Amino acid sequence: MAKADSGTSKRERNKTARWVVTIFITTIFVSGAISLLSDAVMENSSIAVAFLILLAIVLVGIVFDVIGVAVTSADEKPFHSMAARKVPGAREAISLLRSAERVSSICNDVVGDICGVVSGSASATIASQILTHFTFSWPQVVSLVMSALVAALTVGGKAIGKTFAIRSCTAIVHGVGKLIYTWNHFRALFRKKKES
């Protein structure tokens, strides 16, 4: 019995180690690619467009934070009755809840941290754009204001999002489940068309 337990715990440790390595490598590549892309787009954009891109990055971080919190807060029971009635997205929602730890890690840590890094570099790009168009006696103020604005939007947005996520966790998880169901449905249709 002890050997079986030690074998199971070893498998769990190996599984966790593989997960950590996978997330680490994925985060490096995804973060680097998004940073390069956003920098390239923002440098060739007007200040107004650059602000909109920055807001979109912050919003993506907030939305994924809401999903991460909802998945860890939701109860699996309502989705079982939905799955029995063959409600679209119910089975996908159950899968999300059974992998809550990983889903939360991807949404809150990976996507959240990537958006944080990218929004920081985006705010620096906007600050440099502002400084090329306008003259300031103390240029550091522009960088400070941009950093403070991004931090306030991110923290404030996530605080509101967390409250909403906890109160509406079932609806949010079901909504994400529906999106996954729709995506899988389209993929299946595409495969059938390819095969025929």
C-alpha atoms as a PDB file:
ATOM      1  CA  MET A   1       0.000   0.000   0.000  1.00  0.00           C
ATOM      2  CA  ALA A   2       2.842   2.353   0.949  1.00  0.00           C
ATOM      3  CA  LYS A   3       4.644   1.571  -2.337  1.00  0.00           C
ATOM      4  CA  ALA A   4       1.490   2.311  -4.337  1.00  0.00           C
ATOM      5  CA  ASP A   5       1.070   5.627  -2.483  1.00  0.00           C
ATOM      6  CA  SER A   6       4.706   6.585  -3.084  1.00  0.00           C
ATOM      7  CA  GLY A   7       4.339   5.658  -6.800  1.00  0.00           C
ATOM      8  CA  THR A   8       1.208   7.843  -7.078  1.00  0.00           C
ATOM      9  CA  SER A   9       2.851  10.788  -5.305  1.00  0.00           C
ATOM     10  CA  LYS A  10       5.929  10.457  -7.552  1.00  0.00           C
ATOM     11  CA  ARG A  11       3.696  10.514 -10.658  1.00  0.00           C
ATOM     12  CA  GLU A  12       1.898  13.586  -9.288  1.00  0.00           C
ATOM     13  CA  ARG A  13       5.236  15.339  -8.642  1.00  0.00           C
ATOM     14  CA  ASN A  14       6.435  14.514 -12.178  1.00  0.00           C
ATOM     15  CA  LYS A  15       3.126  15.735 -13.610  1.00  0.00           C
ATOM     16  CA  THR A  16       3.402  18.989 -11.632  1.00  0.00           C
ATOM     17  CA  ALA A  17       7.043  19.469 -12.682  1.00  0.00           C
ATOM     18  CA  ARG A  18       6.126  18.973 -16.372  1.00  0.00           C
ATOM     19  CA  TRP A  19       3.248  21.450 -15.989  1.00  0.00           C
ATOM     20  CA  VAL A  20       5.534  24.078 -14.407  1.00  0.00           C
ATOM     21  CA  VAL A  21       8.176  23.658 -17.154  1.00  0.00           C
ATOM     22  CA  THR A  22       5.499  23.818 -19.892  1.00  0.00           C
ATOM     23  CA  ILE A  23       3.975  26.996 -18.415  1.00  0.00           C
ATOM     24  CA  PHE A  24       7.441  28.552 -17.972  1.00  0.00           C
ATOM     25  CA  ILE A  25       8.480  27.941 -21.610  1.00  0.00           C
ATOM     26  CA  THR A  26       5.048  28.916 -23.006  1.00  0.00           C
ATOM     27  CA  THR A  27       5.053  32.167 -21.008  1.00  0.00           C
ATOM     28  CA  ILE A  28       8.514  33.133 -22.323  1.00  0.00           C
ATOM     29  CA  PHE A  29       7.551  32.602 -25.971  1.00  0.00           C
ATOM     30  CA  VAL A  30       4.028  34.061 -25.764  1.00  0.00           C
ATOM     31  CA  SER A  31       5.138  37.079 -23.715  1.00  0.00           C
ATOM     32  CA  GLY A  32       8.034  37.768 -26.088  1.00  0.00           C
ATOM     33  CA  ALA A  33       5.859  37.433 -29.199  1.00  0.00           C
ATOM     34  CA  ILE A  34       3.079  39.674 -27.838  1.00  0.00           C
ATOM     35  CA  SER A  35       5.593  42.288 -26.608  1.00  0.00           C
ATOM     36  CA  LEU A  36       7.297  42.419 -30.018  1.00  0.00           C
ATOM     37  CA  LEU A  37       3.983  42.623 -31.855  1.00  0.00           C
ATOM     38  CA  SER A  38       2.484  45.317 -29.602  1.00  0.00           C
ATOM     39  CA  ASP A  39       5.706  47.392 -29.720  1.00  0.00           C
ATOM     40  CA  ALA A  40       5.816  47.181 -33.533  1.00  0.00           C
ATOM     41  CA  VAL A  41       2.136  48.136 -33.868  1.00  0.00           C
ATOM     42  CA  MET A  42       2.259  50.917 -31.257  1.00  0.00           C
ATOM     43  CA  GLU A  43       5.392  52.582 -32.643  1.00  0.00           C
ATOM     44  CA  ASN A  44       3.622  53.034 -36.006  1.00  0.00           C
ATOM     45  CA  SER A  45       0.321  54.185 -34.456  1.00  0.00           C
ATOM     46  CA  SER A  46      -0.982  57.557 -33.338  1.00  0.00           C
ATOM     47  CA  ILE A  47      -1.156  58.322 -29.587  1.00  0.00           C
ATOM     48  CA  ALA A  48      -4.967  57.767 -29.605  1.00  0.00           C
ATOM     49  CA  VAL A  49      -4.643  54.327 -31.272  1.00  0.00           C
ATOM     50  CA  ALA A  50      -1.772  53.417 -28.924  1.00  0.00           C
ATOM     51  CA  PHE A  51      -4.024  54.285 -25.933  1.00  0.00           C
ATOM     52  CA  LEU A  52      -6.782  52.055 -27.329  1.00  0.00           C
ATOM     53  CA  ILE A  53      -4.304  49.168 -27.737  1.00  0.00           C
ATOM     54  CA  LEU A  54      -3.117  49.718 -24.147  1.00  0.00           C
ATOM     55  CA  LEU A  55      -6.721  49.672 -22.868  1.00  0.00           C
ATOM     56  CA  ALA A  56      -7.391  46.467 -24.854  1.00  0.00           C
ATOM     57  CA  ILE A  57      -4.335  44.771 -23.262  1.00  0.00           C
ATOM     58  CA  VAL A  58      -5.470  45.814 -19.750  1.00  0.00           C
ATOM     59  CA  LEU A  59      -9.029  44.628 -20.521  1.00  0.00           C
ATOM     60  CA  VAL A  60      -7.786  41.200 -21.695  1.00  0.00           C
ATOM     61  CA  GLY A  61      -5.907  40.828 -18.380  1.00  0.00           C
ATOM     62  CA  ILE A  62      -9.041  41.756 -16.404  1.00  0.00           C
ATOM     63  CA  VAL A  63     -11.319  39.389 -18.411  1.00  0.00           C
ATOM     64  CA  PHE A  64      -8.967  36.428 -17.899  1.00  0.00           C
ATOM     65  CA  ASP A  65      -8.654  37.283 -14.198  1.00  0.00           C
ATOM     66  CA  VAL A  66     -12.473  37.181 -13.944  1.00  0.00           C
ATOM     67  CA  ILE A  67     -12.525  33.740 -15.651  1.00  0.00           C
ATOM     68  CA  GLY A  68      -9.780  32.433 -13.318  1.00  0.00           C
ATOM     69  CA  VAL A  69     -11.647  33.578 -10.190  1.00  0.00           C
ATOM     70  CA  ALA A  70     -15.009  32.274 -11.480  1.00  0.00           C
ATOM     71  CA  VAL A  71     -13.568  28.811 -12.178  1.00  0.00           C
ATOM     72  CA  THR A  72     -12.177  28.532  -8.634  1.00  0.00           C
ATOM     73  CA  SER A  73     -15.449  29.841  -7.104  1.00  0.00           C
ATOM     74  CA  ALA A  74     -18.088  27.909  -9.088  1.00  0.00           C
ATOM     75  CA  ASP A  75     -19.813  24.711  -7.958  1.00  0.00           C
ATOM     76  CA  GLU A  76     -19.906  21.679 -10.250  1.00  0.00           C
ATOM     77  CA  LYS A  77     -23.435  20.505  -9.272  1.00  0.00           C
ATOM     78  CA  PRO A  78     -25.567  22.832 -11.481  1.00  0.00           C
ATOM     79  CA  PHE A  79     -23.574  21.759 -14.546  1.00  0.00           C
ATOM     80  CA  HIS A  80     -24.349  18.063 -13.996  1.00  0.00           C
ATOM     81  CA  SER A  81     -28.081  18.727 -14.360  1.00  0.00           C
ATOM     82  CA  MET A  82     -27.336  20.913 -17.425  1.00  0.00           C
ATOM     83  CA  ALA A  83     -25.196  18.130 -18.939  1.00  0.00           C
ATOM     84  CA  ALA A  84     -28.023  15.620 -18.314  1.00  0.00           C
ATOM     85  CA  ARG A  85     -30.340  17.946 -20.283  1.00  0.00           C
ATOM     86  CA  LYS A  86     -27.612  18.221 -22.973  1.00  0.00           C
ATOM     87  CA  VAL A  87     -27.251  21.990 -22.542  1.00  0.00           C
ATOM     88  CA  PRO A  88     -24.431  23.217 -24.841  1.00  0.00           C
ATOM     89  CA  GLY A  89     -21.287  24.092 -22.889  1.00  0.00           C
ATOM     90  CA  ALA A  90     -22.224  22.178 -19.713  1.00  0.00           C
ATOM     91  CA  ARG A  91     -19.746  19.318 -20.255  1.00  0.00           C
ATOM     92  CA  GLU A  92     -17.011  21.812 -21.153  1.00  0.00           C
ATOM     93  CA  ALA A  93     -17.804  23.771 -17.957  1.00  0.00           C
ATOM     94  CA  ILE A  94     -17.413  20.565 -15.898  1.00  0.00           C
ATOM     95  CA  SER A  95     -14.016  19.949 -17.556  1.00  0.00           C
ATOM     96  CA  LEU A  96     -12.964  23.512 -16.658  1.00  0.00           C
ATOM     97  CA  LEU A  97     -14.016  23.054 -13.027  1.00  0.00           C
ATOM     98  CA  ARG A  98     -12.227  19.698 -12.748  1.00  0.00           C
ATOM     99  CA  SER A  99      -9.048  21.420 -13.980  1.00  0.00           C
ATOM    100  CA  ALA A 100      -9.701  24.565 -11.895  1.00  0.00           C
ATOM    101  CA  GLU A 101      -6.130  24.781 -10.590  1.00  0.00           C
ATOM    102  CA  ARG A 102      -4.603  24.757 -14.089  1.00  0.00           C
ATOM    103  CA  VAL A 103      -7.272  27.004 -15.615  1.00  0.00           C
ATOM    104  CA  SER A 104      -6.767  29.513 -12.803  1.00  0.00           C
ATOM    105  CA  SER A 105      -2.987  29.328 -13.248  1.00  0.00           C
ATOM    106  CA  ILE A 106      -3.266  30.021 -16.996  1.00  0.00           C
ATOM    107  CA  CYS A 107      -5.858  32.798 -16.644  1.00  0.00           C
ATOM    108  CA  ASN A 108      -4.582  34.588 -13.534  1.00  0.00           C
ATOM    109  CA  ASP A 109      -0.850  33.956 -13.691  1.00  0.00           C
ATOM    110  CA  VAL A 110       0.160  33.360 -17.315  1.00  0.00           C
ATOM    111  CA  VAL A 111      -2.258  35.676 -19.176  1.00  0.00           C
ATOM    112  CA  GLY A 112      -2.486  38.139 -16.277  1.00  0.00           C
ATOM    113  CA  ASP A 113       1.290  38.494 -15.922  1.00  0.00           C
ATOM    114  CA  ILE A 114       1.840  38.674 -19.693  1.00  0.00           C
ATOM    115  CA  CYS A 115      -0.756  41.471 -19.932  1.00  0.00           C
ATOM    116  CA  GLY A 116       0.945  43.226 -17.006  1.00  0.00           C
ATOM    117  CA  VAL A 117       4.378  43.102 -18.690  1.00  0.00           C
ATOM    118  CA  VAL A 118       3.014  44.098 -22.114  1.00  0.00           C
ATOM    119  CA  SER A 119       0.906  46.957 -20.699  1.00  0.00           C
ATOM    120  CA  GLY A 120       4.009  48.237 -18.877  1.00  0.00           C
ATOM    121  CA  SER A 121       6.067  48.325 -22.077  1.00  0.00           C
ATOM    122  CA  ALA A 122       3.071  49.798 -23.962  1.00  0.00           C
ATOM    123  CA  SER A 123       2.765  52.626 -21.438  1.00  0.00           C
ATOM    124  CA  ALA A 124       6.504  53.353 -21.865  1.00  0.00           C
ATOM    125  CA  THR A 125       6.021  53.494 -25.666  1.00  0.00           C
ATOM    126  CA  ILE A 126       3.100  55.923 -25.267  1.00  0.00           C
ATOM    127  CA  ALA A 127       5.146  58.065 -22.856  1.00  0.00           C
ATOM    128  CA  SER A 128       7.977  58.316 -25.412  1.00  0.00           C
ATOM    129  CA  GLN A 129       5.452  59.197 -28.146  1.00  0.00           C
ATOM    130  CA  ILE A 130       3.976  61.970 -25.974  1.00  0.00           C
ATOM    131  CA  LEU A 131       7.470  63.334 -25.289  1.00  0.00           C
ATOM    132  CA  THR A 132       8.291  63.485 -29.023  1.00  0.00           C
ATOM    133  CA  HIS A 133       5.125  65.523 -29.700  1.00  0.00           C
ATOM    134  CA  PHE A 134       5.077  67.757 -26.609  1.00  0.00           C
ATOM    135  CA  THR A 135       7.707  69.511 -24.497  1.00  0.00           C
ATOM    136  CA  PHE A 136       7.701  69.098 -20.718  1.00  0.00           C
ATOM    137  CA  SER A 137       9.955  70.809 -18.176  1.00  0.00           C
ATOM    138  CA  TRP A 138      10.044  67.553 -16.179  1.00  0.00           C
ATOM    139  CA  PRO A 139       9.733  64.623 -18.669  1.00  0.00           C
ATOM    140  CA  GLN A 140       9.784  61.964 -15.922  1.00  0.00           C
ATOM    141  CA  VAL A 141       6.250  63.057 -14.951  1.00  0.00           C
ATOM    142  CA  VAL A 142       4.864  61.593 -18.191  1.00  0.00           C
ATOM    143  CA  SER A 143       6.338  58.126 -17.456  1.00  0.00           C
ATOM    144  CA  LEU A 144       5.142  58.290 -13.837  1.00  0.00           C
ATOM    145  CA  VAL A 145       1.603  59.310 -14.853  1.00  0.00           C
ATOM    146  CA  MET A 146       1.412  56.557 -17.502  1.00  0.00           C
ATOM    147  CA  SER A 147       2.673  53.883 -15.058  1.00  0.00           C
ATOM    148  CA  ALA A 148       0.247  55.078 -12.356  1.00  0.00           C
ATOM    149  CA  LEU A 149      -2.659  55.116 -14.842  1.00  0.00           C
ATOM    150  CA  VAL A 150      -1.957  51.548 -16.039  1.00  0.00           C
ATOM    151  CA  ALA A 151      -1.588  50.300 -12.443  1.00  0.00           C
ATOM    152  CA  ALA A 152      -4.838  52.012 -11.373  1.00  0.00           C
ATOM    153  CA  LEU A 153      -6.788  50.636 -14.353  1.00  0.00           C
ATOM    154  CA  THR A 154      -5.424  47.108 -13.827  1.00  0.00           C
ATOM    155  CA  VAL A 155      -5.898  46.964 -10.044  1.00  0.00           C
ATOM    156  CA  GLY A 156      -9.281  48.758 -10.100  1.00  0.00           C
ATOM    157  CA  GLY A 157     -10.550  46.641 -13.001  1.00  0.00           C
ATOM    158  CA  LYS A 158      -9.463  43.394 -11.344  1.00  0.00           C
ATOM    159  CA  ALA A 159     -11.068  44.428  -8.018  1.00  0.00           C
ATOM    160  CA  ILE A 160     -14.422  45.063  -9.747  1.00  0.00           C
ATOM    161  CA  GLY A 161     -13.955  41.911 -11.849  1.00  0.00           C
ATOM    162  CA  LYS A 162     -13.319  39.682  -8.803  1.00  0.00           C
ATOM    163  CA  THR A 163     -16.569  40.807  -7.142  1.00  0.00           C
ATOM    164  CA  PHE A 164     -18.485  40.154 -10.361  1.00  0.00           C
ATOM    165  CA  ALA A 165     -16.722  36.771 -10.832  1.00  0.00           C
ATOM    166  CA  ILE A 166     -17.660  35.532  -7.351  1.00  0.00           C
ATOM    167  CA  ARG A 167     -21.297  36.677  -7.649  1.00  0.00           C
ATOM    168  CA  SER A 168     -21.820  35.360 -11.203  1.00  0.00           C
ATOM    169  CA  CYS A 169     -19.366  32.427 -11.243  1.00  0.00           C
ATOM    170  CA  THR A 170     -21.864  29.869 -12.624  1.00  0.00           C
ATOM    171  CA  ALA A 171     -22.933  32.119 -15.520  1.00  0.00           C
ATOM    172  CA  ILE A 172     -19.308  33.032 -16.346  1.00  0.00           C
ATOM    173  CA  VAL A 173     -18.086  29.410 -16.336  1.00  0.00           C
ATOM    174  CA  HIS A 174     -21.092  28.360 -18.436  1.00  0.00           C
ATOM    175  CA  GLY A 175     -20.360  31.230 -20.862  1.00  0.00           C
ATOM    176  CA  VAL A 176     -16.758  30.065 -21.265  1.00  0.00           C
ATOM    177  CA  GLY A 177     -18.017  26.488 -21.629  1.00  0.00           C
ATOM    178  CA  LYS A 178     -20.333  27.637 -24.454  1.00  0.00           C
ATOM    179  CA  LEU A 179     -17.409  29.348 -26.214  1.00  0.00           C
ATOM    180  CA  ILE A 180     -15.330  26.155 -25.993  1.00  0.00           C
ATOM    181  CA  TYR A 181     -18.339  24.093 -27.189  1.00  0.00           C
ATOM    182  CA  THR A 182     -18.821  26.443 -30.200  1.00  0.00           C
ATOM    183  CA  TRP A 183     -15.097  26.338 -31.012  1.00  0.00           C
ATOM    184  CA  ASN A 184     -15.030  22.519 -30.860  1.00  0.00           C
ATOM    185  CA  HIS A 185     -18.205  22.357 -32.971  1.00  0.00           C
ATOM    186  CA  PHE A 186     -16.663  24.555 -35.697  1.00  0.00           C
ATOM    187  CA  ARG A 187     -13.442  22.520 -35.612  1.00  0.00           C
ATOM    188  CA  ALA A 188     -15.422  19.290 -36.063  1.00  0.00           C
ATOM    189  CA  LEU A 189     -17.338  20.795 -39.001  1.00  0.00           C
ATOM    190  CA  PHE A 190     -14.094  22.011 -40.578  1.00  0.00           C
ATOM    191  CA  ARG A 191     -12.546  18.531 -40.231  1.00  0.00           C
ATOM    192  CA  LYS A 192     -15.607  16.905 -41.844  1.00  0.00           C
ATOM    193  CA  LYS A 193     -15.432  19.331 -44.787  1.00  0.00           C
ATOM    194  CA  LYS A 194     -11.722  18.616 -45.205  1.00  0.00           C
ATOM    195  CA  GLU A 195     -12.275  14.859 -45.167  1.00  0.00           C
ATOM    196  CA  SER A 196     -15.191  14.960 -47.649  1.00  0.00           C
END
